[in-house]
Amino acid sequence: MKQSINIIKYSGDVVAFDVDKLINSLRRVQASEALIQQIVEQVESQLYDGITTKQIYKMAFKMLKGKSRVSASKYKLKKALMELGPSGFPFEKLVGKLLAHEGFETKVGVIVQGNCVQHEVDVIAQKDNYHYMIECKYHSDQGRFCNVKIPLYIHSRFLDVEKQWEHQKGHEAKLHKGGVYTNTRFTMDAIQYGKCVGLLLTSWDYPMGNGLKDRIDKSGFHPLTALTTMTKSEKTKLLDKGIVLCKELHEKPTLLNQIGIDKTRHKNILEDSEALCKNN
């Protein structure tokens, strides 16, 4: 019987290496079965007790990047979301665009009058009788989770705003809800509290099957930070212009000229952008 190898997760937890998780993550990004087999063989040949998930990710990503840039871009989605910094505003824009794609009328970064005080709200989303106040909690590293203090704080702000909304004309039949979107994960206490008070909670992988990774994969709304064909400084220039999606690059290729990227590189960047725009 093959001896199990213990690996260290970003959280510091020690778990047994599960090859099926690696295979599934590679299938999610549509790598070929032949390439998946190559990556699995290489990773397994270099495993040792105490290796980190970060090191395993680097090995797999390097091989993907050499064989399939688009699969590599999809594989680095979690990291790409963490590169939407340092302010977190690009993450708010991404959430707003994702909700707009799903049929909501959205406003990003607005001042809302509550019953007691004014509040700066990251995203207001409306569709039919649904009226949402969304706060976005961006983290630049995987080790930081949203604990129960975050939904507690957001819910108290939402209650103040809800009192004001309820007095507005035409809001009598509307369903008002507060929500928290984060690019990392929630603690169990945060999820329990959010469920109890009726907050909309969305993280990297929550709710199961409808978290950020699933919704981005389905919509093709990949952040431009996922591209492997651009430098960090080039991506920063686009983020500073308010551009956050590969879709925006695909729709407006002249953006590459505006930030000084040589025309010889345009083809690969735009090809990858187009491929990432496609719905899974």
C-alpha atoms as a PDB file:
ATOM      1  CA  MET A   1       0.000   0.000   0.000  1.00  0.00           C
ATOM      2  CA  LYS A   2       1.379   3.390  -1.032  1.00  0.00           C
ATOM      3  CA  GLN A   3       2.321   5.561   1.955  1.00  0.00           C
ATOM      4  CA  SER A   4       0.343   8.811   2.163  1.00  0.00           C
ATOM      5  CA  ILE A   5       2.174  12.140   1.938  1.00  0.00           C
ATOM      6  CA  ASN A   6       1.188  14.970   4.255  1.00  0.00           C
ATOM      7  CA  ILE A   7       0.993  18.431   2.696  1.00  0.00           C
ATOM      8  CA  ILE A   8       0.613  21.864   4.297  1.00  0.00           C
ATOM      9  CA  LYS A   9      -2.289  24.077   3.168  1.00  0.00           C
ATOM     10  CA  TYR A  10      -2.245  27.903   3.051  1.00  0.00           C
ATOM     11  CA  SER A  11      -4.128  27.904   6.354  1.00  0.00           C
ATOM     12  CA  GLY A  12      -1.352  25.887   8.004  1.00  0.00           C
ATOM     13  CA  ASP A  13      -3.517  22.771   8.265  1.00  0.00           C
ATOM     14  CA  VAL A  14      -1.786  19.477   7.513  1.00  0.00           C
ATOM     15  CA  VAL A  15      -3.713  17.051   5.279  1.00  0.00           C
ATOM     16  CA  ALA A  16      -2.962  13.971   3.202  1.00  0.00           C
ATOM     17  CA  PHE A  17      -2.176  14.635  -0.455  1.00  0.00           C
ATOM     18  CA  ASP A  18      -5.219  13.794  -2.603  1.00  0.00           C
ATOM     19  CA  VAL A  19      -4.325  13.258  -6.262  1.00  0.00           C
ATOM     20  CA  ASP A  20      -8.007  13.421  -7.253  1.00  0.00           C
ATOM     21  CA  LYS A  21      -8.171  17.065  -6.085  1.00  0.00           C
ATOM     22  CA  LEU A  22      -5.223  17.904  -8.330  1.00  0.00           C
ATOM     23  CA  ILE A  23      -6.793  16.072 -11.280  1.00  0.00           C
ATOM     24  CA  ASN A  24     -10.166  17.782 -10.781  1.00  0.00           C
ATOM     25  CA  SER A  25      -8.567  21.240 -10.564  1.00  0.00           C
ATOM     26  CA  LEU A  26      -6.787  20.579 -13.887  1.00  0.00           C
ATOM     27  CA  ARG A  27      -9.959  19.274 -15.548  1.00  0.00           C
ATOM     28  CA  ARG A  28     -11.808  22.404 -14.388  1.00  0.00           C
ATOM     29  CA  VAL A  29      -9.428  24.527 -16.462  1.00  0.00           C
ATOM     30  CA  GLN A  30      -9.917  22.222 -19.468  1.00  0.00           C
ATOM     31  CA  ALA A  31      -6.373  20.872 -19.654  1.00  0.00           C
ATOM     32  CA  SER A  32      -6.077  17.819 -21.918  1.00  0.00           C
ATOM     33  CA  GLU A  33      -6.070  14.384 -20.284  1.00  0.00           C
ATOM     34  CA  ALA A  34      -2.559  13.748 -21.651  1.00  0.00           C
ATOM     35  CA  LEU A  35      -1.257  16.968 -20.066  1.00  0.00           C
ATOM     36  CA  ILE A  36      -3.040  16.191 -16.793  1.00  0.00           C
ATOM     37  CA  GLN A  37      -1.278  12.813 -16.696  1.00  0.00           C
ATOM     38  CA  GLN A  38       2.110  14.482 -17.299  1.00  0.00           C
ATOM     39  CA  ILE A  39       1.519  17.022 -14.528  1.00  0.00           C
ATOM     40  CA  VAL A  40       0.329  14.391 -12.056  1.00  0.00           C
ATOM     41  CA  GLU A  41       3.381  12.209 -12.753  1.00  0.00           C
ATOM     42  CA  GLN A  42       5.779  15.126 -12.288  1.00  0.00           C
ATOM     43  CA  VAL A  43       4.091  16.347  -9.094  1.00  0.00           C
ATOM     44  CA  GLU A  44       3.959  12.858  -7.570  1.00  0.00           C
ATOM     45  CA  SER A  45       7.647  12.303  -8.368  1.00  0.00           C
ATOM     46  CA  GLN A  46       8.563  15.453  -6.381  1.00  0.00           C
ATOM     47  CA  LEU A  47       6.249  15.031  -3.388  1.00  0.00           C
ATOM     48  CA  TYR A  48       7.679  14.848   0.125  1.00  0.00           C
ATOM     49  CA  ASP A  49       6.224  15.049   3.599  1.00  0.00           C
ATOM     50  CA  GLY A  50       5.600  18.702   4.487  1.00  0.00           C
ATOM     51  CA  ILE A  51       5.469  20.086   0.940  1.00  0.00           C
ATOM     52  CA  THR A  52       3.107  23.053   0.715  1.00  0.00           C
ATOM     53  CA  THR A  53       0.076  23.404  -1.532  1.00  0.00           C
ATOM     54  CA  LYS A  54       1.773  26.570  -2.828  1.00  0.00           C
ATOM     55  CA  GLN A  55       4.738  24.536  -4.090  1.00  0.00           C
ATOM     56  CA  ILE A  56       2.435  21.987  -5.725  1.00  0.00           C
ATOM     57  CA  TYR A  57       0.489  24.815  -7.385  1.00  0.00           C
ATOM     58  CA  LYS A  58       3.727  26.342  -8.745  1.00  0.00           C
ATOM     59  CA  MET A  59       4.777  23.027 -10.310  1.00  0.00           C
ATOM     60  CA  ALA A  60       1.407  22.481 -11.972  1.00  0.00           C
ATOM     61  CA  PHE A  61       1.144  26.108 -13.121  1.00  0.00           C
ATOM     62  CA  LYS A  62       4.624  26.066 -14.700  1.00  0.00           C
ATOM     63  CA  MET A  63       3.783  22.990 -16.768  1.00  0.00           C
ATOM     64  CA  LEU A  64       0.395  24.372 -17.777  1.00  0.00           C
ATOM     65  CA  LYS A  65       1.900  27.689 -18.832  1.00  0.00           C
ATOM     66  CA  GLY A  66       4.406  25.869 -21.077  1.00  0.00           C
ATOM     67  CA  LYS A  67       1.720  23.780 -22.787  1.00  0.00           C
ATOM     68  CA  SER A  68      -1.558  25.754 -22.612  1.00  0.00           C
ATOM     69  CA  ARG A  69      -1.534  29.456 -21.706  1.00  0.00           C
ATOM     70  CA  VAL A  70      -5.333  29.658 -21.481  1.00  0.00           C
ATOM     71  CA  SER A  71      -5.565  26.682 -19.098  1.00  0.00           C
ATOM     72  CA  ALA A  72      -2.780  28.276 -17.038  1.00  0.00           C
ATOM     73  CA  SER A  73      -4.736  31.537 -16.870  1.00  0.00           C
ATOM     74  CA  LYS A  74      -7.841  29.703 -15.660  1.00  0.00           C
ATOM     75  CA  TYR A  75      -5.737  27.732 -13.161  1.00  0.00           C
ATOM     76  CA  LYS A  76      -4.422  30.930 -11.587  1.00  0.00           C
ATOM     77  CA  LEU A  77      -7.905  32.442 -11.108  1.00  0.00           C
ATOM     78  CA  LYS A  78      -7.700  32.467  -7.301  1.00  0.00           C
ATOM     79  CA  LYS A  79      -4.284  34.166  -7.442  1.00  0.00           C
ATOM     80  CA  ALA A  80      -5.545  36.548 -10.141  1.00  0.00           C
ATOM     81  CA  LEU A  81      -8.341  37.741  -7.848  1.00  0.00           C
ATOM     82  CA  MET A  82      -5.733  38.458  -5.175  1.00  0.00           C
ATOM     83  CA  GLU A  83      -3.766  40.553  -7.661  1.00  0.00           C
ATOM     84  CA  LEU A  84      -6.689  42.975  -8.061  1.00  0.00           C
ATOM     85  CA  GLY A  85      -5.112  45.175  -5.410  1.00  0.00           C
ATOM     86  CA  PRO A  86      -3.901  46.956  -3.509  1.00  0.00           C
ATOM     87  CA  SER A  87      -7.035  49.102  -3.027  1.00  0.00           C
ATOM     88  CA  GLY A  88      -9.649  46.401  -3.585  1.00  0.00           C
ATOM     89  CA  PHE A  89     -11.648  48.747  -5.845  1.00  0.00           C
ATOM     90  CA  PRO A  90     -11.014  46.586  -8.954  1.00  0.00           C
ATOM     91  CA  PHE A  91     -12.543  43.661  -7.034  1.00  0.00           C
ATOM     92  CA  GLU A  92     -15.638  45.769  -6.349  1.00  0.00           C
ATOM     93  CA  LYS A  93     -15.854  46.578 -10.069  1.00  0.00           C
ATOM     94  CA  LEU A  94     -15.549  42.889 -10.954  1.00  0.00           C
ATOM     95  CA  VAL A  95     -18.387  42.005  -8.548  1.00  0.00           C
ATOM     96  CA  GLY A  96     -20.517  44.805 -10.017  1.00  0.00           C
ATOM     97  CA  LYS A  97     -19.886  43.586 -13.575  1.00  0.00           C
ATOM     98  CA  LEU A  98     -20.629  39.983 -12.618  1.00  0.00           C
ATOM     99  CA  LEU A  99     -23.974  40.977 -11.073  1.00  0.00           C
ATOM    100  CA  ALA A 100     -24.779  43.172 -14.098  1.00  0.00           C
ATOM    101  CA  HIS A 101     -24.101  40.173 -16.366  1.00  0.00           C
ATOM    102  CA  GLU A 102     -26.580  38.212 -14.233  1.00  0.00           C
ATOM    103  CA  GLY A 103     -29.311  40.740 -14.933  1.00  0.00           C
ATOM    104  CA  PHE A 104     -28.946  43.261 -12.112  1.00  0.00           C
ATOM    105  CA  GLU A 105     -28.810  47.020 -12.494  1.00  0.00           C
ATOM    106  CA  THR A 106     -25.687  47.917 -10.523  1.00  0.00           C
ATOM    107  CA  LYS A 107     -23.890  50.931  -9.075  1.00  0.00           C
ATOM    108  CA  VAL A 108     -20.374  50.657  -7.654  1.00  0.00           C
ATOM    109  CA  GLY A 109     -18.980  52.855  -4.875  1.00  0.00           C
ATOM    110  CA  VAL A 110     -22.033  54.897  -3.895  1.00  0.00           C
ATOM    111  CA  ILE A 111     -23.002  56.945  -0.848  1.00  0.00           C
ATOM    112  CA  VAL A 112     -26.307  55.770   0.630  1.00  0.00           C
ATOM    113  CA  GLN A 113     -28.304  57.576   3.289  1.00  0.00           C
ATOM    114  CA  GLY A 114     -29.219  55.330   6.198  1.00  0.00           C
ATOM    115  CA  ASN A 115     -31.759  56.031   8.929  1.00  0.00           C
ATOM    116  CA  CYS A 116     -29.003  57.290  11.242  1.00  0.00           C
ATOM    117  CA  VAL A 117     -25.916  58.026   9.117  1.00  0.00           C
ATOM    118  CA  GLN A 118     -24.584  57.921   5.571  1.00  0.00           C
ATOM    119  CA  HIS A 119     -22.807  54.800   4.328  1.00  0.00           C
ATOM    120  CA  GLU A 120     -20.345  54.241   1.507  1.00  0.00           C
ATOM    121  CA  VAL A 121     -21.589  51.062  -0.165  1.00  0.00           C
ATOM    122  CA  ASP A 122     -19.446  49.001  -2.527  1.00  0.00           C
ATOM    123  CA  VAL A 123     -22.222  47.702  -4.806  1.00  0.00           C
ATOM    124  CA  ILE A 124     -25.970  48.396  -5.015  1.00  0.00           C
ATOM    125  CA  ALA A 125     -27.757  45.784  -7.149  1.00  0.00           C
ATOM    126  CA  GLN A 126     -31.423  45.785  -8.235  1.00  0.00           C
ATOM    127  CA  LYS A 127     -33.470  43.341 -10.299  1.00  0.00           C
ATOM    128  CA  ASP A 128     -37.246  43.009 -10.303  1.00  0.00           C
ATOM    129  CA  ASN A 129     -38.222  43.238  -6.608  1.00  0.00           C
ATOM    130  CA  TYR A 130     -34.728  42.437  -5.341  1.00  0.00           C
ATOM    131  CA  HIS A 131     -32.686  45.294  -3.893  1.00  0.00           C
ATOM    132  CA  TYR A 132     -29.246  44.396  -2.533  1.00  0.00           C
ATOM    133  CA  MET A 133     -26.562  46.246  -0.577  1.00  0.00           C
ATOM    134  CA  ILE A 134     -23.270  44.402  -1.212  1.00  0.00           C
ATOM    135  CA  GLU A 135     -19.983  44.927   0.620  1.00  0.00           C
ATOM    136  CA  CYS A 136     -16.802  43.520  -0.922  1.00  0.00           C
ATOM    137  CA  LYS A 137     -14.018  42.222   1.323  1.00  0.00           C
ATOM    138  CA  TYR A 138     -10.822  41.900  -0.698  1.00  0.00           C
ATOM    139  CA  HIS A 139      -7.738  40.102   0.622  1.00  0.00           C
ATOM    140  CA  SER A 140      -4.332  39.895  -1.056  1.00  0.00           C
ATOM    141  CA  ASP A 141      -3.353  36.553   0.502  1.00  0.00           C
ATOM    142  CA  GLN A 142      -5.106  33.208   0.844  1.00  0.00           C
ATOM    143  CA  GLY A 143      -4.467  32.884   4.563  1.00  0.00           C
ATOM    144  CA  ARG A 144      -6.929  35.672   5.479  1.00  0.00           C
ATOM    145  CA  PHE A 145     -10.530  34.564   5.915  1.00  0.00           C
ATOM    146  CA  CYS A 146     -13.645  36.625   6.628  1.00  0.00           C
ATOM    147  CA  ASN A 147     -14.530  35.932  10.257  1.00  0.00           C
ATOM    148  CA  VAL A 148     -17.872  36.533  11.970  1.00  0.00           C
ATOM    149  CA  LYS A 149     -17.010  40.189  12.726  1.00  0.00           C
ATOM    150  CA  ILE A 150     -17.424  41.061   9.034  1.00  0.00           C
ATOM    151  CA  PRO A 151     -21.054  39.900   8.556  1.00  0.00           C
ATOM    152  CA  LEU A 152     -21.913  41.313  12.013  1.00  0.00           C
ATOM    153  CA  TYR A 153     -20.646  44.734  10.933  1.00  0.00           C
ATOM    154  CA  ILE A 154     -22.200  44.584   7.450  1.00  0.00           C
ATOM    155  CA  HIS A 155     -25.563  43.469   8.819  1.00  0.00           C
ATOM    156  CA  SER A 156     -25.699  46.394  11.270  1.00  0.00           C
ATOM    157  CA  ARG A 157     -24.982  48.825   8.408  1.00  0.00           C
ATOM    158  CA  PHE A 158     -27.581  47.137   6.224  1.00  0.00           C
ATOM    159  CA  LEU A 159     -30.269  47.462   8.929  1.00  0.00           C
ATOM    160  CA  ASP A 160     -29.661  51.213   9.049  1.00  0.00           C
ATOM    161  CA  VAL A 161     -29.914  51.484   5.246  1.00  0.00           C
ATOM    162  CA  GLU A 162     -32.944  49.166   5.102  1.00  0.00           C
ATOM    163  CA  LYS A 163     -34.924  51.445   7.417  1.00  0.00           C
ATOM    164  CA  GLN A 164     -34.405  54.303   4.987  1.00  0.00           C
ATOM    165  CA  TRP A 165     -35.147  52.175   1.896  1.00  0.00           C
ATOM    166  CA  GLU A 166     -38.439  50.968   3.372  1.00  0.00           C
ATOM    167  CA  HIS A 167     -39.697  54.554   3.545  1.00  0.00           C
ATOM    168  CA  GLN A 168     -38.965  55.229  -0.125  1.00  0.00           C
ATOM    169  CA  LYS A 169     -41.810  55.303  -2.633  1.00  0.00           C
ATOM    170  CA  GLY A 170     -42.148  52.090  -4.638  1.00  0.00           C
ATOM    171  CA  HIS A 171     -40.141  50.017  -2.161  1.00  0.00           C
ATOM    172  CA  GLU A 172     -43.129  48.548  -0.338  1.00  0.00           C
ATOM    173  CA  ALA A 173     -42.936  45.218  -2.200  1.00  0.00           C
ATOM    174  CA  LYS A 174     -39.152  45.071  -2.603  1.00  0.00           C
ATOM    175  CA  LEU A 175     -37.019  42.413  -0.941  1.00  0.00           C
ATOM    176  CA  HIS A 176     -34.086  44.223   0.662  1.00  0.00           C
ATOM    177  CA  LYS A 177     -30.994  42.209   1.529  1.00  0.00           C
ATOM    178  CA  GLY A 178     -27.444  42.872   2.609  1.00  0.00           C
ATOM    179  CA  GLY A 179     -24.551  40.822   1.322  1.00  0.00           C
ATOM    180  CA  VAL A 180     -20.816  40.178   1.581  1.00  0.00           C
ATOM    181  CA  TYR A 181     -18.578  39.119  -1.306  1.00  0.00           C
ATOM    182  CA  THR A 182     -15.006  38.038  -0.564  1.00  0.00           C
ATOM    183  CA  ASN A 183     -12.262  36.658  -2.802  1.00  0.00           C
ATOM    184  CA  THR A 184     -11.083  34.271  -0.058  1.00  0.00           C
ATOM    185  CA  ARG A 185     -13.301  32.249   2.312  1.00  0.00           C
ATOM    186  CA  PHE A 186     -15.647  32.656   5.263  1.00  0.00           C
ATOM    187  CA  THR A 187     -15.159  31.013   8.644  1.00  0.00           C
ATOM    188  CA  MET A 188     -17.911  28.621   9.752  1.00  0.00           C
ATOM    189  CA  ASP A 189     -19.114  31.180  12.333  1.00  0.00           C
ATOM    190  CA  ALA A 190     -19.401  33.820   9.605  1.00  0.00           C
ATOM    191  CA  ILE A 191     -21.492  31.477   7.445  1.00  0.00           C
ATOM    192  CA  GLN A 192     -23.671  30.463  10.390  1.00  0.00           C
ATOM    193  CA  TYR A 193     -24.353  34.087  11.341  1.00  0.00           C
ATOM    194  CA  GLY A 194     -24.937  35.155   7.733  1.00  0.00           C
ATOM    195  CA  LYS A 195     -27.486  32.382   7.221  1.00  0.00           C
ATOM    196  CA  CYS A 196     -29.216  33.218  10.508  1.00  0.00           C
ATOM    197  CA  VAL A 197     -29.787  36.905   9.657  1.00  0.00           C
ATOM    198  CA  GLY A 198     -30.400  36.380   5.923  1.00  0.00           C
ATOM    199  CA  LEU A 199     -27.231  37.922   4.470  1.00  0.00           C
ATOM    200  CA  LEU A 200     -26.131  36.979   0.960  1.00  0.00           C
ATOM    201  CA  LEU A 201     -22.676  35.410   1.359  1.00  0.00           C
ATOM    202  CA  THR A 202     -20.404  34.750  -1.608  1.00  0.00           C
ATOM    203  CA  SER A 203     -16.766  33.656  -1.420  1.00  0.00           C
ATOM    204  CA  TRP A 204     -14.256  31.869  -3.625  1.00  0.00           C
ATOM    205  CA  ASP A 205     -16.149  28.568  -3.271  1.00  0.00           C
ATOM    206  CA  TYR A 206     -19.337  29.443  -1.344  1.00  0.00           C
ATOM    207  CA  PRO A 207     -22.197  28.767  -1.890  1.00  0.00           C
ATOM    208  CA  MET A 208     -21.116  25.375  -3.199  1.00  0.00           C
ATOM    209  CA  GLY A 209     -21.441  25.337  -6.976  1.00  0.00           C
ATOM    210  CA  ASN A 210     -22.217  29.058  -7.128  1.00  0.00           C
ATOM    211  CA  GLY A 211     -19.162  30.722  -5.618  1.00  0.00           C
ATOM    212  CA  LEU A 212     -16.957  33.227  -7.428  1.00  0.00           C
ATOM    213  CA  LYS A 213     -14.856  30.583  -9.207  1.00  0.00           C
ATOM    214  CA  ASP A 214     -17.975  28.880 -10.621  1.00  0.00           C
ATOM    215  CA  ARG A 215     -19.667  32.109 -11.677  1.00  0.00           C
ATOM    216  CA  ILE A 216     -16.525  33.493 -13.319  1.00  0.00           C
ATOM    217  CA  ASP A 217     -15.928  30.212 -15.171  1.00  0.00           C
ATOM    218  CA  LYS A 218     -19.558  30.124 -16.381  1.00  0.00           C
ATOM    219  CA  SER A 219     -19.689  33.774 -17.451  1.00  0.00           C
ATOM    220  CA  GLY A 220     -16.193  34.123 -18.914  1.00  0.00           C
ATOM    221  CA  PHE A 221     -15.688  37.224 -16.734  1.00  0.00           C
ATOM    222  CA  HIS A 222     -12.046  36.430 -15.972  1.00  0.00           C
ATOM    223  CA  PRO A 223      -9.965  39.229 -14.425  1.00  0.00           C
ATOM    224  CA  LEU A 224      -7.202  40.536 -16.694  1.00  0.00           C
ATOM    225  CA  THR A 225      -4.726  39.679 -13.925  1.00  0.00           C
ATOM    226  CA  ALA A 226      -5.172  36.017 -14.979  1.00  0.00           C
ATOM    227  CA  LEU A 227      -3.362  36.638 -18.284  1.00  0.00           C
ATOM    228  CA  THR A 228       0.104  35.075 -18.500  1.00  0.00           C
ATOM    229  CA  THR A 229       1.063  37.186 -21.534  1.00  0.00           C
ATOM    230  CA  MET A 230       1.309  40.521 -19.704  1.00  0.00           C
ATOM    231  CA  THR A 231       3.632  41.854 -17.004  1.00  0.00           C
ATOM    232  CA  LYS A 232       2.447  42.929 -13.569  1.00  0.00           C
ATOM    233  CA  SER A 233       3.162  46.603 -14.338  1.00  0.00           C
ATOM    234  CA  GLU A 234       1.167  46.416 -17.589  1.00  0.00           C
ATOM    235  CA  LYS A 235      -1.803  44.928 -15.745  1.00  0.00           C
ATOM    236  CA  THR A 236      -1.521  47.646 -13.099  1.00  0.00           C
ATOM    237  CA  LYS A 237      -1.711  50.332 -15.796  1.00  0.00           C
ATOM    238  CA  LEU A 238      -4.984  48.816 -17.053  1.00  0.00           C
ATOM    239  CA  LEU A 239      -6.396  48.472 -13.532  1.00  0.00           C
ATOM    240  CA  ASP A 240      -5.550  52.147 -12.958  1.00  0.00           C
ATOM    241  CA  LYS A 241      -7.661  52.940 -16.040  1.00  0.00           C
ATOM    242  CA  GLY A 242     -10.601  51.077 -14.504  1.00  0.00           C
ATOM    243  CA  ILE A 243     -10.217  48.008 -16.746  1.00  0.00           C
ATOM    244  CA  VAL A 244     -10.614  44.734 -14.813  1.00  0.00           C
ATOM    245  CA  LEU A 245     -11.765  42.039 -17.258  1.00  0.00           C
ATOM    246  CA  CYS A 246     -10.191  40.147 -20.171  1.00  0.00           C
ATOM    247  CA  LYS A 247     -13.549  40.754 -21.865  1.00  0.00           C
ATOM    248  CA  GLU A 248     -12.885  44.514 -21.815  1.00  0.00           C
ATOM    249  CA  LEU A 249      -9.502  43.992 -23.490  1.00  0.00           C
ATOM    250  CA  HIS A 250     -11.079  41.755 -26.115  1.00  0.00           C
ATOM    251  CA  GLU A 251     -13.750  44.380 -26.845  1.00  0.00           C
ATOM    252  CA  LYS A 252     -11.288  47.289 -26.937  1.00  0.00           C
ATOM    253  CA  PRO A 253      -7.861  46.137 -28.211  1.00  0.00           C
ATOM    254  CA  THR A 254      -6.651  49.760 -28.520  1.00  0.00           C
ATOM    255  CA  LEU A 255      -6.161  49.674 -24.731  1.00  0.00           C
ATOM    256  CA  LEU A 256      -2.909  47.802 -25.411  1.00  0.00           C
ATOM    257  CA  ASN A 257      -1.617  50.734 -27.478  1.00  0.00           C
ATOM    258  CA  GLN A 258      -2.637  53.160 -24.753  1.00  0.00           C
ATOM    259  CA  ILE A 259      -0.372  51.491 -22.182  1.00  0.00           C
ATOM    260  CA  GLY A 260       2.551  51.137 -24.616  1.00  0.00           C
ATOM    261  CA  ILE A 261       2.542  47.405 -25.386  1.00  0.00           C
ATOM    262  CA  ASP A 262       4.471  46.573 -28.551  1.00  0.00           C
ATOM    263  CA  LYS A 263       2.240  45.448 -31.443  1.00  0.00           C
ATOM    264  CA  THR A 264       4.214  42.204 -31.813  1.00  0.00           C
ATOM    265  CA  ARG A 265       2.720  41.063 -28.482  1.00  0.00           C
ATOM    266  CA  HIS A 266      -0.885  42.040 -29.199  1.00  0.00           C
ATOM    267  CA  LYS A 267      -1.821  38.786 -30.972  1.00  0.00           C
ATOM    268  CA  ASN A 268      -1.103  36.450 -28.029  1.00  0.00           C
ATOM    269  CA  ILE A 269      -2.674  38.791 -25.474  1.00  0.00           C
ATOM    270  CA  LEU A 270      -5.861  39.237 -27.502  1.00  0.00           C
ATOM    271  CA  GLU A 271      -6.108  35.535 -28.406  1.00  0.00           C
ATOM    272  CA  ASP A 272      -5.902  34.576 -24.731  1.00  0.00           C
ATOM    273  CA  SER A 273      -8.374  37.317 -23.768  1.00  0.00           C
ATOM    274  CA  GLU A 274     -10.879  36.058 -26.326  1.00  0.00           C
ATOM    275  CA  ALA A 275     -10.502  32.438 -25.185  1.00  0.00           C
ATOM    276  CA  LEU A 276     -11.056  33.427 -21.534  1.00  0.00           C
ATOM    277  CA  CYS A 277     -14.230  35.344 -22.477  1.00  0.00           C
ATOM    278  CA  LYS A 278     -15.945  32.173 -23.634  1.00  0.00           C
ATOM    279  CA  ASN A 279     -18.489  30.608 -21.284  1.00  0.00           C
ATOM    280  CA  ASN A 280     -17.675  27.151 -19.920  1.00  0.00           C
END
